């Protein structure tokens, strides 16, 4: 029997190393109908600002897939970041 105590997921390791969740909306032209656009949503953990994983995916797309890229819109958020604190005027008491 294998114990999973102390095992950390690869996704969590990436977050601790500074990776954030990156989402790219990719618009591309249909191979047989160049006037039509299709959308594809790609999501993975990646490093801001160079986005090496996204760059690799887009290079793969251009080398191997028929639909030419039209546009790529990228959103990125680090999931592990310093806590956001703010001062509050007042006291809340619970009895």
PDB file of N, CA and C in Angstrom:
ATOM      1  N   UNK A   1       0.845  -1.188   0.000  1.00  0.00           N
ATOM      2  CA  UNK A   1       0.000   0.000   0.000  1.00  0.00           C
ATOM      3  C   UNK A   1       0.886   1.246   0.000  1.00  0.00           C
ATOM      4  N   UNK A   2       0.568   2.222  -0.837  1.00  0.00           N
ATOM      5  CA  UNK A   2       1.348   3.445  -0.957  1.00  0.00           C
ATOM      6  C   UNK A   2       0.664   4.544  -0.158  1.00  0.00           C
ATOM      7  N   UNK A   3       1.420   5.209   0.691  1.00  0.00           N
ATOM      8  CA  UNK A   3       0.883   6.301   1.487  1.00  0.00           C
ATOM      9  C   UNK A   3       0.981   7.606   0.705  1.00  0.00           C
ATOM     10  N   UNK A   4      -0.074   8.408   0.754  1.00  0.00           N
ATOM     11  CA  UNK A   4      -0.076   9.705   0.058  1.00  0.00           C
ATOM     12  C   UNK A   4       0.150  10.853   1.024  1.00  0.00           C
ATOM     13  N   UNK A   5       0.493  10.556   2.279  1.00  0.00           N
ATOM     14  CA  UNK A   5       0.747  11.597   3.265  1.00  0.00           C
ATOM     15  C   UNK A   5       2.023  12.328   2.866  1.00  0.00           C
ATOM     16  N   UNK A   6       1.963  13.632   2.823  1.00  0.00           N
ATOM     17  CA  UNK A   6       3.130  14.429   2.479  1.00  0.00           C
ATOM     18  C   UNK A   6       3.370  14.574   0.994  1.00  0.00           C
ATOM     19  N   UNK A   7       2.496  13.992   0.151  1.00  0.00           N
ATOM     20  CA  UNK A   7       2.637  14.113  -1.292  1.00  0.00           C
ATOM     21  C   UNK A   7       1.964  15.414  -1.732  1.00  0.00           C
ATOM     22  N   UNK A   8       2.713  16.230  -2.467  1.00  0.00           N
ATOM     23  CA  UNK A   8       2.202  17.515  -2.938  1.00  0.00           C
ATOM     24  C   UNK A   8       1.971  17.424  -4.435  1.00  0.00           C
ATOM     25  N   UNK A   9       0.841  17.930  -4.893  1.00  0.00           N
ATOM     26  CA  UNK A   9       0.522  17.863  -6.324  1.00  0.00           C
ATOM     27  C   UNK A   9       1.470  18.751  -7.129  1.00  0.00           C
ATOM     28  N   UNK A  10       1.660  18.390  -8.378  1.00  0.00           N
ATOM     29  CA  UNK A  10       2.524  19.165  -9.272  1.00  0.00           C
ATOM     30  C   UNK A  10       1.949  20.566  -9.481  1.00  0.00           C
ATOM     31  N   UNK A  11       0.632  20.689  -9.525  1.00  0.00           N
ATOM     32  CA  UNK A  11       0.004  22.006  -9.681  1.00  0.00           C
ATOM     33  C   UNK A  11       0.350  22.918  -8.499  1.00  0.00           C
ATOM     34  N   UNK A  12       0.304  22.381  -7.280  1.00  0.00           N
ATOM     35  CA  UNK A  12       0.633  23.178  -6.105  1.00  0.00           C
ATOM     36  C   UNK A  12       2.106  23.583  -6.128  1.00  0.00           C
ATOM     37  N   UNK A  13       2.986  22.669  -6.530  1.00  0.00           N
ATOM     38  CA  UNK A  13       4.414  23.007  -6.638  1.00  0.00           C
ATOM     39  C   UNK A  13       4.624  24.186  -7.583  1.00  0.00           C
ATOM     40  N   UNK A  14       3.934  24.157  -8.719  1.00  0.00           N
ATOM     41  CA  UNK A  14       4.061  25.255  -9.679  1.00  0.00           C
ATOM     42  C   UNK A  14       3.578  26.574  -9.085  1.00  0.00           C
ATOM     43  N   UNK A  15       2.470  26.542  -8.350  1.00  0.00           N
ATOM     44  CA  UNK A  15       1.951  27.765  -7.741  1.00  0.00           C
ATOM     45  C   UNK A  15       2.958  28.362  -6.764  1.00  0.00           C
ATOM     46  N   UNK A  16       3.600  27.516  -5.973  1.00  0.00           N
ATOM     47  CA  UNK A  16       4.594  27.995  -5.006  1.00  0.00           C
ATOM     48  C   UNK A  16       5.805  28.588  -5.727  1.00  0.00           C
ATOM     49  N   UNK A  17       6.128  28.051  -6.902  1.00  0.00           N
ATOM     50  CA  UNK A  17       7.270  28.544  -7.679  1.00  0.00           C
ATOM     51  C   UNK A  17       6.948  29.804  -8.483  1.00  0.00           C
ATOM     52  N   UNK A  18       5.726  30.318  -8.356  1.00  0.00           N
ATOM     53  CA  UNK A  18       5.382  31.572  -9.013  1.00  0.00           C
ATOM     54  C   UNK A  18       4.523  31.446 -10.253  1.00  0.00           C
ATOM     55  N   UNK A  19       4.147  30.230 -10.602  1.00  0.00           N
ATOM     56  CA  UNK A  19       3.260  30.055 -11.750  1.00  0.00           C
ATOM     57  C   UNK A  19       1.869  30.565 -11.393  1.00  0.00           C
ATOM     58  N   UNK A  20       1.161  31.054 -12.374  1.00  0.00           N
ATOM     59  CA  UNK A  20      -0.213  31.484 -12.179  1.00  0.00           C
ATOM     60  C   UNK A  20      -1.104  30.813 -13.208  1.00  0.00           C
ATOM     61  N   UNK A  21      -2.393  30.874 -12.973  1.00  0.00           N
ATOM     62  CA  UNK A  21      -3.341  30.284 -13.905  1.00  0.00           C
ATOM     63  C   UNK A  21      -3.486  31.219 -15.103  1.00  0.00           C
ATOM     64  N   UNK A  22      -3.203  30.702 -16.276  1.00  0.00           N
ATOM     65  CA  UNK A  22      -3.252  31.487 -17.511  1.00  0.00           C
ATOM     66  C   UNK A  22      -4.352  30.927 -18.400  1.00  0.00           C
ATOM     67  N   UNK A  23      -5.187  31.817 -18.896  1.00  0.00           N
ATOM     68  CA  UNK A  23      -6.248  31.444 -19.813  1.00  0.00           C
ATOM     69  C   UNK A  23      -6.055  32.247 -21.092  1.00  0.00           C
ATOM     70  N   UNK A  24      -6.093  31.561 -22.221  1.00  0.00           N
ATOM     71  CA  UNK A  24      -5.961  32.236 -23.513  1.00  0.00           C
ATOM     72  C   UNK A  24      -7.182  31.927 -24.370  1.00  0.00           C
ATOM     73  N   UNK A  25      -7.797  32.979 -24.885  1.00  0.00           N
ATOM     74  CA  UNK A  25      -8.879  32.810 -25.855  1.00  0.00           C
ATOM     75  C   UNK A  25      -8.231  32.957 -27.227  1.00  0.00           C
ATOM     76  N   UNK A  26      -8.275  31.895 -28.002  1.00  0.00           N
ATOM     77  CA  UNK A  26      -7.614  31.858 -29.301  1.00  0.00           C
ATOM     78  C   UNK A  26      -8.685  31.892 -30.389  1.00  0.00           C
ATOM     79  N   UNK A  27      -8.606  32.904 -31.237  1.00  0.00           N
ATOM     80  CA  UNK A  27      -9.477  32.977 -32.403  1.00  0.00           C
ATOM     81  C   UNK A  27      -8.656  32.548 -33.611  1.00  0.00           C
ATOM     82  N   UNK A  28      -9.213  31.639 -34.388  1.00  0.00           N
ATOM     83  CA  UNK A  28      -8.496  31.166 -35.570  1.00  0.00           C
ATOM     84  C   UNK A  28      -9.467  31.032 -36.738  1.00  0.00           C
ATOM     85  N   UNK A  29      -8.906  31.076 -37.918  1.00  0.00           N
ATOM     86  CA  UNK A  29      -9.722  30.951 -39.130  1.00  0.00           C
ATOM     87  C   UNK A  29      -9.976  29.479 -39.423  1.00  0.00           C
ATOM     88  N   UNK A  30     -11.181  29.172 -39.838  1.00  0.00           N
ATOM     89  CA  UNK A  30     -11.524  27.802 -40.215  1.00  0.00           C
ATOM     90  C   UNK A  30     -10.696  27.411 -41.446  1.00  0.00           C
ATOM     91  N   UNK A  31     -10.086  26.236 -41.450  1.00  0.00           N
ATOM     92  CA  UNK A  31      -9.226  25.844 -42.578  1.00  0.00           C
ATOM     93  C   UNK A  31      -9.934  25.849 -43.935  1.00  0.00           C
ATOM     94  N   UNK A  32     -11.181  25.397 -43.980  1.00  0.00           N
ATOM     95  CA  UNK A  32     -11.899  25.312 -45.255  1.00  0.00           C
ATOM     96  C   UNK A  32     -12.710  26.568 -45.588  1.00  0.00           C
ATOM     97  N   UNK A  33     -12.928  27.426 -44.586  1.00  0.00           N
ATOM     98  CA  UNK A  33     -13.727  28.642 -44.773  1.00  0.00           C
ATOM     99  C   UNK A  33     -12.990  29.790 -44.088  1.00  0.00           C
ATOM    100  N   UNK A  34     -12.035  30.393 -44.766  1.00  0.00           N
ATOM    101  CA  UNK A  34     -11.147  31.407 -44.177  1.00  0.00           C
ATOM    102  C   UNK A  34     -11.887  32.633 -43.653  1.00  0.00           C
ATOM    103  N   UNK A  35     -13.110  32.873 -44.114  1.00  0.00           N
ATOM    104  CA  UNK A  35     -13.843  34.046 -43.645  1.00  0.00           C
ATOM    105  C   UNK A  35     -14.532  33.799 -42.297  1.00  0.00           C
ATOM    106  N   UNK A  36     -14.569  32.541 -41.828  1.00  0.00           N
ATOM    107  CA  UNK A  36     -15.198  32.212 -40.543  1.00  0.00           C
ATOM    108  C   UNK A  36     -14.146  32.073 -39.449  1.00  0.00           C
ATOM    109  N   UNK A  37     -14.469  32.616 -38.276  1.00  0.00           N
ATOM    110  CA  UNK A  37     -13.587  32.487 -37.112  1.00  0.00           C
ATOM    111  C   UNK A  37     -14.177  31.488 -36.130  1.00  0.00           C
ATOM    112  N   UNK A  38     -13.312  30.725 -35.514  1.00  0.00           N
ATOM    113  CA  UNK A  38     -13.674  29.753 -34.477  1.00  0.00           C
ATOM    114  C   UNK A  38     -12.900  30.139 -33.224  1.00  0.00           C
ATOM    115  N   UNK A  39     -13.424  29.818 -32.069  1.00  0.00           N
ATOM    116  CA  UNK A  39     -12.719  30.137 -30.825  1.00  0.00           C
ATOM    117  C   UNK A  39     -12.294  28.860 -30.114  1.00  0.00           C
ATOM    118  N   UNK A  40     -11.155  28.944 -29.421  1.00  0.00           N
ATOM    119  CA  UNK A  40     -10.623  27.837 -28.630  1.00  0.00           C
ATOM    120  C   UNK A  40     -10.111  28.447 -27.335  1.00  0.00           C
ATOM    121  N   UNK A  41     -10.430  27.835 -26.199  1.00  0.00           N
ATOM    122  CA  UNK A  41      -9.957  28.331 -24.905  1.00  0.00           C
ATOM    123  C   UNK A  41      -8.917  27.362 -24.365  1.00  0.00           C
ATOM    124  N   UNK A  42      -7.730  27.893 -24.078  1.00  0.00           N
ATOM    125  CA  UNK A  42      -6.603  27.129 -23.544  1.00  0.00           C
ATOM    126  C   UNK A  42      -6.347  27.608 -22.121  1.00  0.00           C
ATOM    127  N   UNK A  43      -6.096  26.670 -21.194  1.00  0.00           N
ATOM    128  CA  UNK A  43      -5.837  27.048 -19.803  1.00  0.00           C
ATOM    129  C   UNK A  43      -4.775  26.137 -19.229  1.00  0.00           C
ATOM    130  N   UNK A  44      -3.789  26.743 -18.548  1.00  0.00           N
ATOM    131  CA  UNK A  44      -2.699  25.985 -17.943  1.00  0.00           C
ATOM    132  C   UNK A  44      -1.980  26.890 -16.947  1.00  0.00           C
ATOM    133  N   UNK A  45      -1.109  26.311 -16.127  1.00  0.00           N
ATOM    134  CA  UNK A  45      -0.259  27.116 -15.259  1.00  0.00           C
ATOM    135  C   UNK A  45       0.923  27.597 -16.080  1.00  0.00           C
ATOM    136  N   UNK A  46       1.248  28.899 -15.955  1.00  0.00           N
ATOM    137  CA  UNK A  46       2.317  29.471 -16.761  1.00  0.00           C
ATOM    138  C   UNK A  46       2.965  30.620 -15.998  1.00  0.00           C
ATOM    139  N   UNK A  47       4.108  31.066 -16.488  1.00  0.00           N
ATOM    140  CA  UNK A  47       4.875  32.135 -15.843  1.00  0.00           C
ATOM    141  C   UNK A  47       4.686  33.461 -16.568  1.00  0.00           C
ATOM    142  N   UNK A  48       4.301  34.481 -15.821  1.00  0.00           N
ATOM    143  CA  UNK A  48       4.180  35.836 -16.345  1.00  0.00           C
ATOM    144  C   UNK A  48       5.562  36.465 -16.326  1.00  0.00           C
ATOM    145  N   UNK A  49       6.007  37.241 -17.273  1.00  0.00           N
ATOM    146  CA  UNK A  49       5.315  37.805 -18.421  1.00  0.00           C
ATOM    147  C   UNK A  49       5.613  37.079 -19.734  1.00  0.00           C
ATOM    148  N   UNK A  50       6.503  36.091 -19.737  1.00  0.00           N
ATOM    149  CA  UNK A  50       6.909  35.456 -20.998  1.00  0.00           C
ATOM    150  C   UNK A  50       5.999  34.329 -21.457  1.00  0.00           C
ATOM    151  N   UNK A  51       5.253  33.726 -20.544  1.00  0.00           N
ATOM    152  CA  UNK A  51       4.305  32.654 -20.851  1.00  0.00           C
ATOM    153  C   UNK A  51       4.931  31.536 -21.702  1.00  0.00           C
ATOM    154  N   UNK A  52       5.952  30.847 -21.185  1.00  0.00           N
ATOM    155  CA  UNK A  52       6.612  29.810 -21.989  1.00  0.00           C
ATOM    156  C   UNK A  52       5.689  28.651 -22.395  1.00  0.00           C
ATOM    157  N   UNK A  53       4.782  28.223 -21.523  1.00  0.00           N
ATOM    158  CA  UNK A  53       3.876  27.119 -21.874  1.00  0.00           C
ATOM    159  C   UNK A  53       2.932  27.546 -22.999  1.00  0.00           C
ATOM    160  N   UNK A  54       2.408  28.770 -22.921  1.00  0.00           N
ATOM    161  CA  UNK A  54       1.523  29.271 -23.977  1.00  0.00           C
ATOM    162  C   UNK A  54       2.298  29.439 -25.280  1.00  0.00           C
ATOM    163  N   UNK A  55       3.518  29.938 -25.201  1.00  0.00           N
ATOM    164  CA  UNK A  55       4.352  30.098 -26.404  1.00  0.00           C
ATOM    165  C   UNK A  55       4.588  28.742 -27.071  1.00  0.00           C
ATOM    166  N   UNK A  56       4.873  27.718 -26.259  1.00  0.00           N
ATOM    167  CA  UNK A  56       5.065  26.366 -26.809  1.00  0.00           C
ATOM    168  C   UNK A  56       3.792  25.860 -27.486  1.00  0.00           C
ATOM    169  N   UNK A  57       2.640  26.087 -26.844  1.00  0.00           N
ATOM    170  CA  UNK A  57       1.380  25.638 -27.421  1.00  0.00           C
ATOM    171  C   UNK A  57       1.099  26.348 -28.745  1.00  0.00           C
ATOM    172  N   UNK A  58       1.329  27.669 -28.788  1.00  0.00           N
ATOM    173  CA  UNK A  58       1.071  28.414 -30.017  1.00  0.00           C
ATOM    174  C   UNK A  58       2.035  28.007 -31.131  1.00  0.00           C
ATOM    175  N   UNK A  59       3.285  27.686 -30.771  1.00  0.00           N
ATOM    176  CA  UNK A  59       4.241  27.199 -31.775  1.00  0.00           C
ATOM    177  C   UNK A  59       3.772  25.857 -32.332  1.00  0.00           C
ATOM    178  N   UNK A  60       3.299  24.966 -31.434  1.00  0.00           N
ATOM    179  CA  UNK A  60       2.740  23.685 -31.868  1.00  0.00           C
ATOM    180  C   UNK A  60       1.561  23.922 -32.821  1.00  0.00           C
ATOM    181  N   UNK A  61       0.679  24.850 -32.446  1.00  0.00           N
ATOM    182  CA  UNK A  61      -0.501  25.152 -33.261  1.00  0.00           C
ATOM    183  C   UNK A  61      -0.076  25.563 -34.667  1.00  0.00           C
ATOM    184  N   UNK A  62       0.869  26.483 -34.750  1.00  0.00           N
ATOM    185  CA  UNK A  62       1.272  27.009 -36.058  1.00  0.00           C
ATOM    186  C   UNK A  62       1.998  25.964 -36.904  1.00  0.00           C
ATOM    187  N   UNK A  63       2.725  25.053 -36.249  1.00  0.00           N
ATOM    188  CA  UNK A  63       3.457  24.019 -36.988  1.00  0.00           C
ATOM    189  C   UNK A  63       2.563  22.863 -37.440  1.00  0.00           C
ATOM    190  N   UNK A  64       1.595  22.472 -36.607  1.00  0.00           N
ATOM    191  CA  UNK A  64       0.877  21.217 -36.837  1.00  0.00           C
ATOM    192  C   UNK A  64      -0.595  21.347 -37.215  1.00  0.00           C
ATOM    193  N   UNK A  65      -1.227  22.474 -36.905  1.00  0.00           N
ATOM    194  CA  UNK A  65      -2.664  22.595 -37.156  1.00  0.00           C
ATOM    195  C   UNK A  65      -2.940  23.482 -38.363  1.00  0.00           C
ATOM    196  N   UNK A  66      -4.061  23.235 -39.020  1.00  0.00           N
ATOM    197  CA  UNK A  66      -4.383  23.935 -40.269  1.00  0.00           C
ATOM    198  C   UNK A  66      -5.014  25.312 -40.075  1.00  0.00           C
ATOM    199  N   UNK A  67      -5.711  25.540 -38.982  1.00  0.00           N
ATOM    200  CA  UNK A  67      -6.410  26.813 -38.789  1.00  0.00           C
ATOM    201  C   UNK A  67      -5.458  27.934 -38.424  1.00  0.00           C
ATOM    202  N   UNK A  68      -5.252  28.920 -39.321  1.00  0.00           N
ATOM    203  CA  UNK A  68      -4.343  30.025 -39.008  1.00  0.00           C
ATOM    204  C   UNK A  68      -4.868  30.887 -37.862  1.00  0.00           C
ATOM    205  N   UNK A  69      -3.969  31.297 -36.982  1.00  0.00           N
ATOM    206  CA  UNK A  69      -4.339  32.130 -35.840  1.00  0.00           C
ATOM    207  C   UNK A  69      -4.784  33.506 -36.306  1.00  0.00           C
ATOM    208  N   UNK A  70      -5.820  34.020 -35.658  1.00  0.00           N
ATOM    209  CA  UNK A  70      -6.312  35.368 -35.933  1.00  0.00           C
ATOM    210  C   UNK A  70      -5.941  36.298 -34.778  1.00  0.00           C
ATOM    211  N   UNK A  71      -6.228  35.862 -33.534  1.00  0.00           N
ATOM    212  CA  UNK A  71      -5.871  36.661 -32.357  1.00  0.00           C
ATOM    213  C   UNK A  71      -5.788  35.761 -31.134  1.00  0.00           C
ATOM    214  N   UNK A  72      -5.028  36.228 -30.144  1.00  0.00           N
ATOM    215  CA  UNK A  72      -4.892  35.525 -28.864  1.00  0.00           C
ATOM    216  C   UNK A  72      -5.057  36.565 -27.758  1.00  0.00           C
ATOM    217  N   UNK A  73      -6.027  36.352 -26.870  1.00  0.00           N
ATOM    218  CA  UNK A  73      -6.245  37.227 -25.724  1.00  0.00           C
ATOM    219  C   UNK A  73      -5.897  36.437 -24.475  1.00  0.00           C
ATOM    220  N   UNK A  74      -5.028  37.012 -23.617  1.00  0.00           N
ATOM    221  CA  UNK A  74      -4.492  36.289 -22.469  1.00  0.00           C
ATOM    222  C   UNK A  74      -4.940  36.945 -21.164  1.00  0.00           C
ATOM    223  N   UNK A  75      -5.361  36.110 -20.204  1.00  0.00           N
ATOM    224  CA  UNK A  75      -5.647  36.539 -18.833  1.00  0.00           C
ATOM    225  C   UNK A  75      -4.777  35.692 -17.912  1.00  0.00           C
ATOM    226  N   UNK A  76      -4.250  36.309 -16.844  1.00  0.00           N
ATOM    227  CA  UNK A  76      -3.331  35.600 -15.958  1.00  0.00           C
ATOM    228  C   UNK A  76      -3.559  36.055 -14.524  1.00  0.00           C
ATOM    229  N   UNK A  77      -3.516  35.112 -13.590  1.00  0.00           N
ATOM    230  CA  UNK A  77      -3.661  35.441 -12.177  1.00  0.00           C
ATOM    231  C   UNK A  77      -2.826  34.489 -11.338  1.00  0.00           C
ATOM    232  N   UNK A  78      -1.997  35.051 -10.468  1.00  0.00           N
ATOM    233  CA  UNK A  78      -1.272  34.206  -9.515  1.00  0.00           C
ATOM    234  C   UNK A  78      -2.257  33.768  -8.440  1.00  0.00           C
ATOM    235  N   UNK A  79      -2.261  32.507  -8.131  1.00  0.00           N
ATOM    236  CA  UNK A  79      -3.220  31.981  -7.166  1.00  0.00           C
ATOM    237  C   UNK A  79      -2.699  32.056  -5.740  1.00  0.00           C
ATOM    238  N   UNK A  80      -1.383  32.017  -5.583  1.00  0.00           N
ATOM    239  CA  UNK A  80      -0.777  32.189  -4.261  1.00  0.00           C
ATOM    240  C   UNK A  80      -0.094  33.540  -4.269  1.00  0.00           C
ATOM    241  N   UNK A  81      -0.597  34.449  -3.439  1.00  0.00           N
ATOM    242  CA  UNK A  81      -0.066  35.802  -3.395  1.00  0.00           C
ATOM    243  C   UNK A  81      -0.229  36.344  -1.981  1.00  0.00           C
ATOM    244  N   UNK A  82       0.418  37.458  -1.685  1.00  0.00           N
ATOM    245  CA  UNK A  82       0.279  38.017  -0.339  1.00  0.00           C
ATOM    246  C   UNK A  82      -1.184  38.312  -0.012  1.00  0.00           C
ATOM    247  N   UNK A  83      -1.525  38.182   1.255  1.00  0.00           N
ATOM    248  CA  UNK A  83      -2.889  38.463   1.689  1.00  0.00           C
ATOM    249  C   UNK A  83      -3.201  39.942   1.496  1.00  0.00           C
ATOM    250  N   UNK A  84      -4.434  40.212   1.151  1.00  0.00           N
ATOM    251  CA  UNK A  84      -4.871  41.592   1.015  1.00  0.00           C
ATOM    252  C   UNK A  84      -5.538  42.004   2.319  1.00  0.00           C
ATOM    253  N   UNK A  85      -4.944  42.974   2.984  1.00  0.00           N
ATOM    254  CA  UNK A  85      -5.466  43.458   4.257  1.00  0.00           C
ATOM    255  C   UNK A  85      -5.938  44.892   4.094  1.00  0.00           C
ATOM    256  N   UNK A  86      -6.959  45.248   4.835  1.00  0.00           N
ATOM    257  CA  UNK A  86      -7.412  46.631   4.822  1.00  0.00           C
ATOM    258  C   UNK A  86      -7.868  47.005   6.223  1.00  0.00           C
ATOM    259  N   UNK A  87      -7.690  48.266   6.565  1.00  0.00           N
ATOM    260  CA  UNK A  87      -8.107  48.759   7.873  1.00  0.00           C
ATOM    261  C   UNK A  87      -9.621  48.896   7.898  1.00  0.00           C
ATOM    262  N   UNK A  88     -10.210  48.574   9.050  1.00  0.00           N
ATOM    263  CA  UNK A  88     -11.658  48.654   9.209  1.00  0.00           C
ATOM    264  C   UNK A  88     -11.946  49.555  10.398  1.00  0.00           C
ATOM    265  N   UNK A  89     -12.848  50.506  10.212  1.00  0.00           N
ATOM    266  CA  UNK A  89     -13.280  51.357  11.314  1.00  0.00           C
ATOM    267  C   UNK A  89     -14.461  50.698  12.008  1.00  0.00           C
ATOM    268  N   UNK A  90     -14.297  50.370  13.258  1.00  0.00           N
ATOM    269  CA  UNK A  90     -15.402  49.785  13.992  1.00  0.00           C
ATOM    270  C   UNK A  90     -15.027  48.461  14.607  1.00  0.00           C
ATOM    271  N   UNK A  91     -15.920  47.965  15.439  1.00  0.00           N
ATOM    272  CA  UNK A  91     -15.700  46.700  16.127  1.00  0.00           C
ATOM    273  C   UNK A  91     -16.958  45.853  15.941  1.00  0.00           C
ATOM    274  N   UNK A  92     -16.760  44.593  15.680  1.00  0.00           N
ATOM    275  CA  UNK A  92     -17.859  43.648  15.548  1.00  0.00           C
ATOM    276  C   UNK A  92     -17.751  42.677  16.721  1.00  0.00           C
ATOM    277  N   UNK A  93     -18.759  42.638  17.559  1.00  0.00           N
ATOM    278  CA  UNK A  93     -18.737  41.745  18.707  1.00  0.00           C
ATOM    279  C   UNK A  93     -19.810  40.680  18.545  1.00  0.00           C
ATOM    280  N   UNK A  94     -19.428  39.463  18.866  1.00  0.00           N
ATOM    281  CA  UNK A  94     -20.362  38.360  18.815  1.00  0.00           C
ATOM    282  C   UNK A  94     -20.466  37.763  20.207  1.00  0.00           C
ATOM    283  N   UNK A  95     -21.673  37.681  20.749  1.00  0.00           N
ATOM    284  CA  UNK A  95     -21.862  37.151  22.119  1.00  0.00           C
ATOM    285  C   UNK A  95     -22.184  35.693  22.078  1.00  0.00           C
TER     286      UNK A  95
END
